């Protein structure tokens, strides 16, 4: 039987752990995503409010950390983990804010190029078009090439399905 993977297990690196009660929230984007002021910088806070979402949240943290360790610059950088009650009870993370809009048809060529580049790391979820090019986020359902439950053939098929979906959306 596989051991459950929890947010503290996924919280790699030397990132600080911040108490959620000490954060200055400026704006809510969605029910789990907020704009927070951290020192002099605006950053994004994403939380996991429900136990049933822990699996996806943990996968998202693991994916951000893995992609960062591999030098991927197509994702926002994590800057801290957020906890409540104790530092082991991680309920969220802080990442850099980026300005952009959801990618559209006019961004197809650049998104396709970036998607293929990202496929060398894994499979993304959402794409935002920024002045620095496409950025990928909402990685909770992403699949990494480190996932031992998936064959290389299946992984390649998933990547191709994603490229095909992008191409279909552009027509």
Foldseek 3Di string as FASTA:
>chain_A
DDDDDFQLNLPDDDAAEAEPVPWAFDADDDPFWTFTCDPNATWIKGFAPDPVCGQLQSQQSNLLVQCVVVVDPQEWHWRYFYAHPDSSHTTITITHDADFAFDALVLLVQVLVVLVVCLVFWHFDGWTQGPVGIHTDSRSPIGGPVPPVDDPVRRVVVSVVVSVVSVVRND
